């Protein structure tokens, strides 16, 4: 193909590309307001959080905070915990800090005493939300002590059985090398 032919092909490709882009421009212009409206809807739904409150199995509380539409929480929110326990005991307000276990995960640490507690967690504006749960607090337990394991030596001397196999392997390798050397010399003479 000549240089003039290549130029004609390239010109045709560029004209086709320009026509395609100019035809798509009105569709993109019409789609832009729809995309902006779709982005505004999650922003409106993001005005509140879904707070899941549970006990941590001991004397604390865990909270998982997500947006109401299921998206995970990317920014830090200062959650506040209050609790009412057995015999009218009250705790809080306690400001909770995010934990390294994941986005939107908060933990109170050991703030409750043993018993049944009504725990309320609230988030400030602009993500204003509130959740209440009943939590059963238990005294922290330590893991059980490991059972001792008896270590015994084999009665037959323990591990000396592999030496005969290693010696036999060395003898076989040496014999194979000797045979190879003998046949190698005979061929050259």
N, C-alpha and C. Protein backbone atom coordinates (compact mmCIF):
# COMPACT_ATOMS: atom_id res chain seq x y z
N UNK A 1 0.86 -1.17 0.00
CA UNK A 1 0.00 0.00 0.00
C UNK A 1 0.90 1.23 0.00
N UNK A 2 0.52 2.22 -0.75
CA UNK A 2 1.34 3.43 -0.85
C UNK A 2 1.05 4.37 0.30
N UNK A 3 1.87 5.40 0.42
CA UNK A 3 1.71 6.38 1.48
C UNK A 3 0.38 7.11 1.33
N UNK A 4 -0.01 7.38 0.12
CA UNK A 4 -1.29 8.06 -0.13
C UNK A 4 -2.45 7.18 0.31
N UNK A 5 -2.35 5.86 0.07
CA UNK A 5 -3.40 4.93 0.50
C UNK A 5 -3.51 4.87 2.01
N UNK A 6 -2.37 4.87 2.70
CA UNK A 6 -2.37 4.85 4.16
C UNK A 6 -3.01 6.12 4.70
N UNK A 7 -2.70 7.25 4.08
CA UNK A 7 -3.29 8.52 4.52
C UNK A 7 -4.81 8.50 4.35
N UNK A 8 -5.30 7.94 3.25
CA UNK A 8 -6.74 7.89 3.01
C UNK A 8 -7.43 7.01 4.06
N UNK A 9 -6.78 5.87 4.42
CA UNK A 9 -7.36 4.97 5.42
C UNK A 9 -7.40 5.67 6.78
N UNK A 10 -6.32 6.33 7.16
CA UNK A 10 -6.29 7.05 8.45
C UNK A 10 -7.31 8.17 8.49
N UNK A 11 -7.44 8.90 7.38
CA UNK A 11 -8.44 9.97 7.33
C UNK A 11 -9.84 9.40 7.49
N UNK A 12 -10.12 8.27 6.87
CA UNK A 12 -11.44 7.66 6.99
C UNK A 12 -11.71 7.22 8.43
N UNK A 13 -10.69 6.66 9.10
CA UNK A 13 -10.84 6.25 10.50
C UNK A 13 -11.14 7.46 11.38
N UNK A 14 -10.40 8.56 11.20
CA UNK A 14 -10.63 9.75 12.03
C UNK A 14 -12.00 10.37 11.77
N UNK A 15 -12.46 10.40 10.52
CA UNK A 15 -13.78 10.94 10.21
C UNK A 15 -14.85 10.05 10.86
N UNK A 16 -14.70 8.75 10.79
CA UNK A 16 -15.66 7.84 11.42
C UNK A 16 -15.70 8.03 12.93
N UNK A 17 -14.52 8.20 13.53
CA UNK A 17 -14.45 8.43 14.97
C UNK A 17 -15.14 9.74 15.35
N UNK A 18 -14.91 10.80 14.57
CA UNK A 18 -15.53 12.09 14.84
C UNK A 18 -17.05 12.00 14.71
N UNK A 19 -17.54 11.30 13.70
CA UNK A 19 -18.99 11.15 13.53
C UNK A 19 -19.60 10.36 14.69
N UNK A 20 -18.90 9.32 15.14
CA UNK A 20 -19.40 8.51 16.25
C UNK A 20 -19.48 9.34 17.53
N UNK A 21 -18.45 10.12 17.80
CA UNK A 21 -18.44 10.95 19.01
C UNK A 21 -19.50 12.04 18.94
N UNK A 22 -19.69 12.66 17.77
CA UNK A 22 -20.70 13.72 17.67
C UNK A 22 -22.11 13.14 17.79
N UNK A 23 -22.32 11.90 17.34
CA UNK A 23 -23.63 11.28 17.48
C UNK A 23 -23.90 10.89 18.93
N UNK A 24 -22.85 10.53 19.68
CA UNK A 24 -23.02 10.11 21.07
C UNK A 24 -23.14 11.28 22.02
N UNK A 25 -22.73 12.49 21.63
CA UNK A 25 -22.75 13.64 22.52
C UNK A 25 -24.14 13.96 23.06
N UNK A 26 -25.22 13.97 22.23
CA UNK A 26 -26.54 14.26 22.80
C UNK A 26 -26.99 13.20 23.82
N UNK A 27 -26.64 11.94 23.59
CA UNK A 27 -27.02 10.89 24.53
C UNK A 27 -26.31 11.08 25.86
N UNK A 28 -25.04 11.49 25.80
CA UNK A 28 -24.29 11.74 27.03
C UNK A 28 -24.86 12.94 27.76
N UNK A 29 -25.25 13.97 27.00
CA UNK A 29 -25.83 15.17 27.63
C UNK A 29 -27.15 14.85 28.32
N UNK A 30 -27.94 13.94 27.74
CA UNK A 30 -29.20 13.57 28.37
C UNK A 30 -28.98 12.67 29.57
N UNK A 31 -27.91 11.85 29.54
CA UNK A 31 -27.64 10.92 30.64
C UNK A 31 -27.04 11.62 31.86
N UNK A 32 -26.41 12.78 31.67
CA UNK A 32 -25.75 13.47 32.77
C UNK A 32 -26.74 13.87 33.88
N UNK A 33 -27.90 14.50 33.57
CA UNK A 33 -28.83 14.83 34.66
C UNK A 33 -29.35 13.58 35.38
N UNK A 34 -29.56 12.49 34.63
CA UNK A 34 -30.03 11.27 35.27
C UNK A 34 -28.98 10.72 36.23
N UNK A 35 -27.70 10.79 35.84
CA UNK A 35 -26.62 10.31 36.71
C UNK A 35 -26.52 11.18 37.96
N UNK A 36 -26.71 12.51 37.79
CA UNK A 36 -26.67 13.39 38.95
C UNK A 36 -27.82 13.10 39.91
N UNK A 37 -28.98 12.79 39.38
CA UNK A 37 -30.12 12.46 40.22
C UNK A 37 -29.88 11.15 40.95
N UNK A 38 -29.24 10.18 40.26
CA UNK A 38 -28.94 8.89 40.90
C UNK A 38 -27.93 9.07 42.02
N UNK A 39 -26.99 10.00 41.85
CA UNK A 39 -26.01 10.25 42.91
C UNK A 39 -26.65 10.98 44.08
N UNK A 40 -27.65 11.80 43.82
CA UNK A 40 -28.31 12.55 44.89
C UNK A 40 -29.12 11.62 45.78
N UNK A 41 -29.69 10.55 45.18
CA UNK A 41 -30.49 9.61 45.98
C UNK A 41 -29.67 8.93 47.05
N UNK A 42 -28.45 8.37 46.76
CA UNK A 42 -27.66 7.79 47.84
C UNK A 42 -27.23 8.83 48.87
N UNK A 43 -27.01 10.06 48.42
CA UNK A 43 -26.61 11.09 49.38
C UNK A 43 -27.74 11.35 50.37
N UNK A 44 -29.00 11.31 49.87
CA UNK A 44 -30.13 11.51 50.78
C UNK A 44 -30.26 10.31 51.71
N UNK A 45 -30.02 9.11 51.18
CA UNK A 45 -30.10 7.91 52.02
C UNK A 45 -28.96 7.85 53.02
N UNK A 46 -27.87 8.56 52.73
CA UNK A 46 -26.71 8.53 53.61
C UNK A 46 -26.89 9.44 54.82
N UNK A 47 -28.05 10.11 54.94
CA UNK A 47 -28.28 10.99 56.08
C UNK A 47 -28.41 10.21 57.37
N UNK A 48 -28.63 8.91 57.29
CA UNK A 48 -28.75 8.09 58.48
C UNK A 48 -27.83 6.89 58.37
N UNK A 49 -27.53 6.32 59.52
CA UNK A 49 -26.70 5.12 59.58
C UNK A 49 -27.53 3.97 60.11
N UNK A 50 -27.13 2.78 59.73
CA UNK A 50 -27.67 1.57 60.34
C UNK A 50 -26.66 1.14 61.39
N UNK A 51 -27.07 1.12 62.64
CA UNK A 51 -26.20 0.75 63.75
C UNK A 51 -26.63 -0.62 64.28
N UNK A 52 -25.71 -1.58 64.26
CA UNK A 52 -25.97 -2.91 64.79
C UNK A 52 -25.20 -3.04 66.11
N UNK A 53 -25.94 -3.16 67.21
CA UNK A 53 -25.35 -3.18 68.56
C UNK A 53 -25.43 -4.60 69.10
N UNK A 54 -24.31 -5.09 69.67
CA UNK A 54 -24.27 -6.43 70.25
C UNK A 54 -23.26 -6.46 71.38
N UNK A 55 -23.37 -7.47 72.23
CA UNK A 55 -22.38 -7.67 73.29
C UNK A 55 -21.13 -8.29 72.70
N UNK A 56 -20.00 -8.10 73.37
CA UNK A 56 -18.75 -8.68 72.87
C UNK A 56 -18.42 -10.03 73.53
N UNK A 57 -19.37 -10.58 74.29
CA UNK A 57 -19.15 -11.86 74.95
C UNK A 57 -18.55 -11.71 76.34
N UNK A 58 -18.23 -10.49 76.73
CA UNK A 58 -17.69 -10.24 78.06
C UNK A 58 -18.40 -9.02 78.63
N UNK A 59 -17.66 -7.97 78.94
CA UNK A 59 -18.24 -6.79 79.59
C UNK A 59 -18.25 -5.57 78.69
N UNK A 60 -18.25 -5.78 77.37
CA UNK A 60 -18.22 -4.67 76.44
C UNK A 60 -19.31 -4.78 75.39
N UNK A 61 -19.31 -3.79 74.50
CA UNK A 61 -20.30 -3.69 73.44
C UNK A 61 -19.58 -3.48 72.12
N UNK A 62 -20.07 -4.11 71.06
CA UNK A 62 -19.55 -3.88 69.72
C UNK A 62 -20.64 -3.25 68.87
N UNK A 63 -20.24 -2.38 67.96
CA UNK A 63 -21.18 -1.69 67.08
C UNK A 63 -20.64 -1.76 65.67
N UNK A 64 -21.51 -2.14 64.72
CA UNK A 64 -21.16 -2.11 63.30
C UNK A 64 -22.03 -1.02 62.68
N UNK A 65 -21.39 0.00 62.10
CA UNK A 65 -22.10 1.12 61.49
C UNK A 65 -21.94 1.04 59.98
N UNK A 66 -23.06 1.06 59.26
CA UNK A 66 -23.07 1.09 57.79
C UNK A 66 -24.10 2.12 57.36
N UNK A 67 -24.04 2.51 56.10
CA UNK A 67 -25.08 3.37 55.55
C UNK A 67 -26.35 2.54 55.40
N UNK A 68 -27.50 3.20 55.41
CA UNK A 68 -28.77 2.47 55.33
C UNK A 68 -28.92 1.72 54.02
N UNK A 69 -28.20 2.13 52.97
CA UNK A 69 -28.30 1.42 51.69
C UNK A 69 -27.29 0.27 51.59
N UNK A 70 -26.56 -0.02 52.68
CA UNK A 70 -25.64 -1.16 52.70
C UNK A 70 -24.19 -0.82 52.44
N UNK A 71 -23.91 0.40 51.99
CA UNK A 71 -22.51 0.78 51.75
C UNK A 71 -21.77 0.84 53.07
N UNK A 72 -20.48 0.51 53.03
CA UNK A 72 -19.73 0.56 54.28
C UNK A 72 -19.34 2.00 54.61
N UNK A 73 -19.15 2.25 55.86
CA UNK A 73 -18.85 3.58 56.38
C UNK A 73 -17.37 3.89 56.16
N UNK A 74 -17.08 4.94 55.42
CA UNK A 74 -15.69 5.28 55.11
C UNK A 74 -15.13 6.35 56.07
N UNK A 75 -15.98 7.23 56.59
CA UNK A 75 -15.48 8.28 57.46
C UNK A 75 -15.66 7.91 58.92
N UNK A 76 -14.94 8.61 59.78
CA UNK A 76 -15.04 8.38 61.23
C UNK A 76 -16.26 9.13 61.75
N UNK A 77 -17.08 8.43 62.52
CA UNK A 77 -18.26 9.02 63.14
C UNK A 77 -18.09 8.84 64.65
N UNK A 78 -18.36 9.88 65.39
CA UNK A 78 -18.22 9.83 66.84
C UNK A 78 -19.50 9.29 67.46
N UNK A 79 -19.55 7.99 67.67
CA UNK A 79 -20.71 7.36 68.28
C UNK A 79 -20.65 7.53 69.79
N UNK A 80 -21.85 7.62 70.41
CA UNK A 80 -21.95 7.80 71.86
C UNK A 80 -22.82 6.67 72.41
N UNK A 81 -22.34 6.04 73.50
CA UNK A 81 -23.02 4.92 74.13
C UNK A 81 -23.55 5.34 75.49
N UNK A 82 -24.79 4.97 75.77
CA UNK A 82 -25.35 5.07 77.11
C UNK A 82 -25.98 3.72 77.43
N UNK A 83 -26.01 3.36 78.71
CA UNK A 83 -26.55 2.05 79.09
C UNK A 83 -27.20 2.12 80.45
N UNK A 84 -28.27 1.34 80.59
CA UNK A 84 -28.94 1.19 81.88
C UNK A 84 -28.91 -0.29 82.22
N UNK A 85 -28.43 -0.61 83.44
CA UNK A 85 -28.23 -2.00 83.80
C UNK A 85 -29.06 -2.45 84.97
N UNK A 86 -28.62 -3.56 85.54
CA UNK A 86 -29.33 -4.11 86.69
C UNK A 86 -29.34 -3.11 87.85
N UNK A 87 -30.43 -3.10 88.57
CA UNK A 87 -30.60 -2.22 89.74
C UNK A 87 -30.51 -0.75 89.37
N UNK A 88 -30.82 -0.39 88.10
CA UNK A 88 -30.84 1.01 87.69
C UNK A 88 -29.48 1.64 87.46
N UNK A 89 -28.43 0.85 87.42
CA UNK A 89 -27.10 1.42 87.16
C UNK A 89 -27.10 2.11 85.80
N UNK A 90 -26.37 3.22 85.71
CA UNK A 90 -26.29 3.96 84.45
C UNK A 90 -24.83 4.16 84.08
N UNK A 91 -24.57 4.03 82.79
CA UNK A 91 -23.22 4.28 82.25
C UNK A 91 -23.38 5.21 81.06
N UNK A 92 -22.48 6.18 81.00
CA UNK A 92 -22.43 7.03 79.81
C UNK A 92 -22.80 8.45 80.12
N UNK A 93 -22.70 9.24 79.14
CA UNK A 93 -22.34 8.94 77.76
C UNK A 93 -20.85 8.61 77.60
N UNK A 94 -20.58 7.58 76.81
CA UNK A 94 -19.21 7.15 76.52
C UNK A 94 -18.99 7.33 75.02
N UNK A 95 -17.99 8.13 74.66
CA UNK A 95 -17.68 8.32 73.24
C UNK A 95 -16.86 7.14 72.74
N UNK A 96 -17.28 6.54 71.64
CA UNK A 96 -16.63 5.36 71.09
C UNK A 96 -15.67 5.73 69.97
N UNK A 97 -14.57 5.06 69.93
CA UNK A 97 -13.57 5.27 68.88
C UNK A 97 -13.61 4.11 67.90
N UNK A 98 -13.36 4.38 66.61
CA UNK A 98 -13.33 3.27 65.63
C UNK A 98 -12.20 2.31 65.93
N UNK A 99 -12.42 1.05 65.63
CA UNK A 99 -11.44 -0.01 65.88
C UNK A 99 -10.77 -0.43 64.58
N UNK A 100 -9.58 -1.00 64.65
CA UNK A 100 -8.86 -1.39 63.43
C UNK A 100 -9.43 -2.63 62.75
N UNK A 101 -10.44 -3.28 63.32
CA UNK A 101 -10.98 -4.51 62.73
C UNK A 101 -11.68 -4.27 61.40
N UNK A 102 -12.08 -3.04 61.10
CA UNK A 102 -12.75 -2.79 59.83
C UNK A 102 -13.45 -1.46 59.82
N UNK A 103 -13.87 -1.05 58.62
CA UNK A 103 -14.59 0.22 58.47
C UNK A 103 -15.92 0.15 59.20
N UNK A 104 -16.19 1.14 60.00
CA UNK A 104 -17.46 1.22 60.70
C UNK A 104 -17.57 0.30 61.91
N UNK A 105 -16.47 -0.27 62.37
CA UNK A 105 -16.52 -1.17 63.54
C UNK A 105 -16.07 -0.39 64.77
N UNK A 106 -16.90 -0.43 65.80
CA UNK A 106 -16.61 0.28 67.05
C UNK A 106 -16.74 -0.70 68.21
N UNK A 107 -15.97 -0.45 69.28
CA UNK A 107 -16.03 -1.30 70.46
C UNK A 107 -15.87 -0.42 71.69
N UNK A 108 -16.61 -0.77 72.74
CA UNK A 108 -16.56 0.04 73.96
C UNK A 108 -15.46 -0.38 74.92
N UNK A 109 -14.99 -1.63 74.81
CA UNK A 109 -14.10 -2.14 75.83
C UNK A 109 -14.93 -2.55 77.04
N UNK A 110 -14.30 -2.97 78.14
CA UNK A 110 -15.04 -3.47 79.30
C UNK A 110 -15.64 -2.32 80.13
N UNK A 111 -16.89 -1.92 79.80
CA UNK A 111 -17.53 -0.84 80.54
C UNK A 111 -18.74 -1.31 81.35
N UNK A 112 -19.23 -2.52 81.08
CA UNK A 112 -20.42 -3.02 81.75
C UNK A 112 -20.03 -4.00 82.86
N UNK A 113 -20.86 -4.09 83.88
CA UNK A 113 -20.67 -5.12 84.89
C UNK A 113 -21.60 -6.29 84.53
N UNK A 114 -21.44 -7.41 85.22
CA UNK A 114 -22.23 -8.59 84.91
C UNK A 114 -23.72 -8.32 85.08
N UNK A 115 -24.50 -8.75 84.06
CA UNK A 115 -25.95 -8.58 84.13
C UNK A 115 -26.51 -8.22 82.77
N UNK A 116 -27.81 -7.90 82.76
CA UNK A 116 -28.51 -7.53 81.53
C UNK A 116 -28.59 -6.02 81.43
N UNK A 117 -28.17 -5.49 80.30
CA UNK A 117 -28.08 -4.05 80.08
C UNK A 117 -28.91 -3.65 78.87
N UNK A 118 -29.55 -2.48 78.96
CA UNK A 118 -30.20 -1.87 77.81
C UNK A 118 -29.24 -0.81 77.30
N UNK A 119 -28.68 -1.06 76.11
CA UNK A 119 -27.62 -0.21 75.57
C UNK A 119 -28.18 0.60 74.40
N UNK A 120 -27.91 1.91 74.41
CA UNK A 120 -28.32 2.80 73.32
C UNK A 120 -27.08 3.45 72.74
N UNK A 121 -26.95 3.39 71.40
CA UNK A 121 -25.84 4.02 70.70
C UNK A 121 -26.44 5.04 69.74
N UNK A 122 -25.88 6.25 69.74
CA UNK A 122 -26.39 7.29 68.85
C UNK A 122 -25.25 7.93 68.08
N UNK A 123 -25.57 8.40 66.88
CA UNK A 123 -24.61 9.08 66.01
C UNK A 123 -25.07 10.53 65.86
N UNK A 124 -24.13 11.48 65.84
CA UNK A 124 -24.51 12.89 65.71
C UNK A 124 -24.86 13.24 64.27
N UNK A 125 -25.39 14.45 64.07
CA UNK A 125 -25.68 14.96 62.73
C UNK A 125 -24.36 15.11 61.98
N UNK A 126 -24.28 14.97 60.71
CA UNK A 126 -25.36 14.85 59.73
C UNK A 126 -25.83 13.41 59.52
N UNK A 127 -25.18 12.44 60.12
CA UNK A 127 -25.55 11.03 59.96
C UNK A 127 -26.36 10.57 61.17
N UNK A 128 -27.28 11.39 61.60
CA UNK A 128 -28.01 11.17 62.84
C UNK A 128 -28.75 9.84 62.82
N UNK A 129 -28.43 8.99 63.81
CA UNK A 129 -29.05 7.67 63.94
C UNK A 129 -29.01 7.26 65.39
N UNK A 130 -29.85 6.25 65.71
CA UNK A 130 -29.90 5.76 67.09
C UNK A 130 -30.33 4.30 67.04
N UNK A 131 -29.71 3.46 67.89
CA UNK A 131 -30.08 2.05 67.98
C UNK A 131 -30.01 1.61 69.43
N UNK A 132 -30.93 0.74 69.83
CA UNK A 132 -30.99 0.23 71.19
C UNK A 132 -31.01 -1.30 71.13
N UNK A 133 -30.28 -1.92 72.05
CA UNK A 133 -30.25 -3.39 72.12
C UNK A 133 -30.10 -3.82 73.56
N UNK A 134 -30.55 -5.03 73.85
CA UNK A 134 -30.34 -5.62 75.16
C UNK A 134 -29.10 -6.50 75.09
N UNK A 135 -28.17 -6.27 76.01
CA UNK A 135 -26.89 -6.97 76.00
C UNK A 135 -26.71 -7.70 77.32
N UNK A 136 -26.31 -8.96 77.24
CA UNK A 136 -26.00 -9.75 78.43
C UNK A 136 -24.50 -9.69 78.68
N UNK A 137 -24.08 -9.00 79.72
CA UNK A 137 -22.65 -8.87 80.05
C UNK A 137 -22.26 -9.99 81.00
N UNK A 138 -21.10 -10.57 80.73
CA UNK A 138 -20.57 -11.66 81.56
C UNK A 138 -19.16 -11.30 81.98
N UNK A 139 -18.74 -11.86 83.10
CA UNK A 139 -17.36 -11.65 83.54
C UNK A 139 -16.42 -12.27 82.52
N UNK A 140 -15.35 -11.56 82.23
CA UNK A 140 -14.37 -12.07 81.26
C UNK A 140 -13.79 -13.38 81.77
N UNK A 141 -13.63 -14.32 80.87
CA UNK A 141 -13.10 -15.63 81.25
C UNK A 141 -11.75 -15.83 80.58
N UNK A 142 -10.87 -16.47 81.32
CA UNK A 142 -9.57 -16.80 80.72
C UNK A 142 -9.67 -18.17 80.08
N UNK A 143 -8.86 -18.43 79.08
CA UNK A 143 -8.92 -19.74 78.45
C UNK A 143 -8.44 -20.83 79.41
N UNK A 144 -8.93 -22.05 79.23
CA UNK A 144 -8.50 -23.13 80.12
C UNK A 144 -7.02 -23.41 79.95
N UNK A 145 -6.39 -23.84 81.05
CA UNK A 145 -4.96 -24.17 80.99
C UNK A 145 -4.76 -25.38 80.09
N UNK A 146 -3.71 -25.38 79.29
CA UNK A 146 -3.48 -26.53 78.42
C UNK A 146 -3.13 -27.77 79.24
N UNK A 147 -3.57 -28.91 78.75
CA UNK A 147 -3.28 -30.17 79.43
C UNK A 147 -1.84 -30.56 79.14
N UNK A 148 -1.12 -31.08 80.14
CA UNK A 148 0.27 -31.48 79.89
C UNK A 148 0.33 -32.66 78.92
N UNK A 149 1.35 -32.64 78.09
CA UNK A 149 1.55 -33.70 77.12
C UNK A 149 2.78 -34.49 77.52
N UNK A 150 2.66 -35.80 77.62
CA UNK A 150 3.78 -36.65 78.00
C UNK A 150 4.67 -36.90 76.78
N UNK A 151 5.96 -36.70 76.96
CA UNK A 151 6.92 -36.95 75.90
C UNK A 151 7.70 -38.20 76.29
N UNK A 152 7.66 -39.19 75.41
CA UNK A 152 8.37 -40.44 75.70
C UNK A 152 9.33 -40.75 74.57
N UNK A 153 10.43 -41.41 74.92
CA UNK A 153 11.41 -41.83 73.92
C UNK A 153 11.08 -43.26 73.51
N UNK A 154 11.28 -43.59 72.25
CA UNK A 154 11.08 -44.97 71.84
C UNK A 154 12.09 -45.89 72.53
N UNK A 155 11.66 -47.08 72.86
CA UNK A 155 12.51 -48.02 73.59
C UNK A 155 13.62 -48.59 72.72
N UNK A 156 13.53 -48.48 71.38
CA UNK A 156 14.51 -49.11 70.52
C UNK A 156 15.69 -48.20 70.18
N UNK A 157 15.88 -47.11 70.84
CA UNK A 157 17.02 -46.24 70.56
C UNK A 157 16.61 -45.03 69.76
N UNK A 158 15.45 -45.00 69.19
CA UNK A 158 14.86 -43.82 68.56
C UNK A 158 15.63 -43.22 67.40
N UNK A 159 15.27 -43.53 66.21
CA UNK A 159 15.80 -42.87 65.04
C UNK A 159 17.07 -43.44 64.48
N UNK A 160 17.65 -44.48 65.03
CA UNK A 160 18.89 -45.03 64.51
C UNK A 160 18.65 -45.99 63.34
N UNK A 161 17.40 -46.24 62.97
CA UNK A 161 17.08 -47.20 61.93
C UNK A 161 17.34 -46.69 60.52
N UNK A 162 17.58 -45.44 60.29
CA UNK A 162 17.76 -44.92 58.94
C UNK A 162 19.20 -45.06 58.44
N UNK A 163 20.17 -45.28 59.31
CA UNK A 163 21.58 -45.37 58.89
C UNK A 163 21.84 -46.52 57.91
N UNK A 164 21.32 -47.70 58.13
CA UNK A 164 21.58 -48.76 57.13
C UNK A 164 21.06 -48.41 55.74
N UNK A 165 19.94 -47.74 55.66
CA UNK A 165 19.41 -47.35 54.34
C UNK A 165 20.29 -46.30 53.68
N UNK A 166 20.81 -45.35 54.45
CA UNK A 166 21.69 -44.33 53.89
C UNK A 166 22.99 -44.95 53.40
N UNK A 167 23.55 -45.88 54.16
CA UNK A 167 24.80 -46.55 53.75
C UNK A 167 24.57 -47.36 52.48
N UNK A 168 23.45 -48.05 52.39
CA UNK A 168 23.16 -48.84 51.19
C UNK A 168 23.00 -47.92 49.98
N UNK A 169 22.38 -46.78 50.16
CA UNK A 169 22.24 -45.82 49.06
C UNK A 169 23.57 -45.30 48.58
N UNK A 170 24.49 -45.01 49.51
CA UNK A 170 25.83 -44.53 49.12
C UNK A 170 26.59 -45.61 48.36
N UNK A 171 26.47 -46.87 48.79
CA UNK A 171 27.15 -47.97 48.10
C UNK A 171 26.60 -48.10 46.68
N UNK A 172 25.28 -47.99 46.50
CA UNK A 172 24.70 -48.09 45.16
C UNK A 172 25.15 -46.95 44.26
N UNK A 173 25.22 -45.75 44.77
CA UNK A 173 25.68 -44.61 43.97
C UNK A 173 27.13 -44.80 43.57
N UNK A 174 27.97 -45.24 44.50
CA UNK A 174 29.39 -45.46 44.19
C UNK A 174 29.54 -46.55 43.14
N UNK A 175 28.76 -47.64 43.24
CA UNK A 175 28.84 -48.73 42.25
C UNK A 175 28.40 -48.24 40.88
N UNK A 176 27.35 -47.45 40.82
CA UNK A 176 26.87 -46.93 39.54
C UNK A 176 27.92 -46.02 38.90
N UNK A 177 28.58 -45.20 39.68
CA UNK A 177 29.63 -44.32 39.15
C UNK A 177 30.82 -45.14 38.64
N UNK A 178 31.18 -46.19 39.38
CA UNK A 178 32.29 -47.04 38.94
C UNK A 178 31.98 -47.74 37.63
N UNK A 179 30.77 -48.27 37.48
CA UNK A 179 30.38 -48.93 36.23
C UNK A 179 30.41 -47.93 35.08
N UNK A 180 29.90 -46.72 35.31
CA UNK A 180 29.90 -45.70 34.26
C UNK A 180 31.31 -45.33 33.85
N UNK A 181 32.23 -45.26 34.79
CA UNK A 181 33.62 -44.92 34.46
C UNK A 181 34.28 -46.05 33.66
N UNK A 182 34.00 -47.30 34.00
CA UNK A 182 34.57 -48.44 33.27
C UNK A 182 34.09 -48.46 31.83
N UNK A 183 32.80 -48.31 31.63
CA UNK A 183 32.29 -48.34 30.26
C UNK A 183 32.70 -47.09 29.49
N UNK A 184 32.90 -46.01 30.16
CA UNK A 184 33.35 -44.79 29.48
C UNK A 184 34.77 -44.92 28.98
N UNK A 185 35.65 -45.58 29.70
CA UNK A 185 37.03 -45.76 29.29
C UNK A 185 37.14 -46.76 28.14
N UNK A 186 36.34 -47.80 28.16
CA UNK A 186 36.44 -48.82 27.12
C UNK A 186 36.02 -48.26 25.78
N UNK A 187 35.09 -47.39 25.72
CA UNK A 187 34.64 -46.83 24.45
C UNK A 187 35.70 -45.94 23.83
N UNK A 188 36.49 -45.25 24.62
CA UNK A 188 37.50 -44.34 24.09
C UNK A 188 38.74 -45.07 23.62
N UNK A 189 38.97 -46.30 24.06
CA UNK A 189 40.18 -46.99 23.64
C UNK A 189 39.99 -47.85 22.42
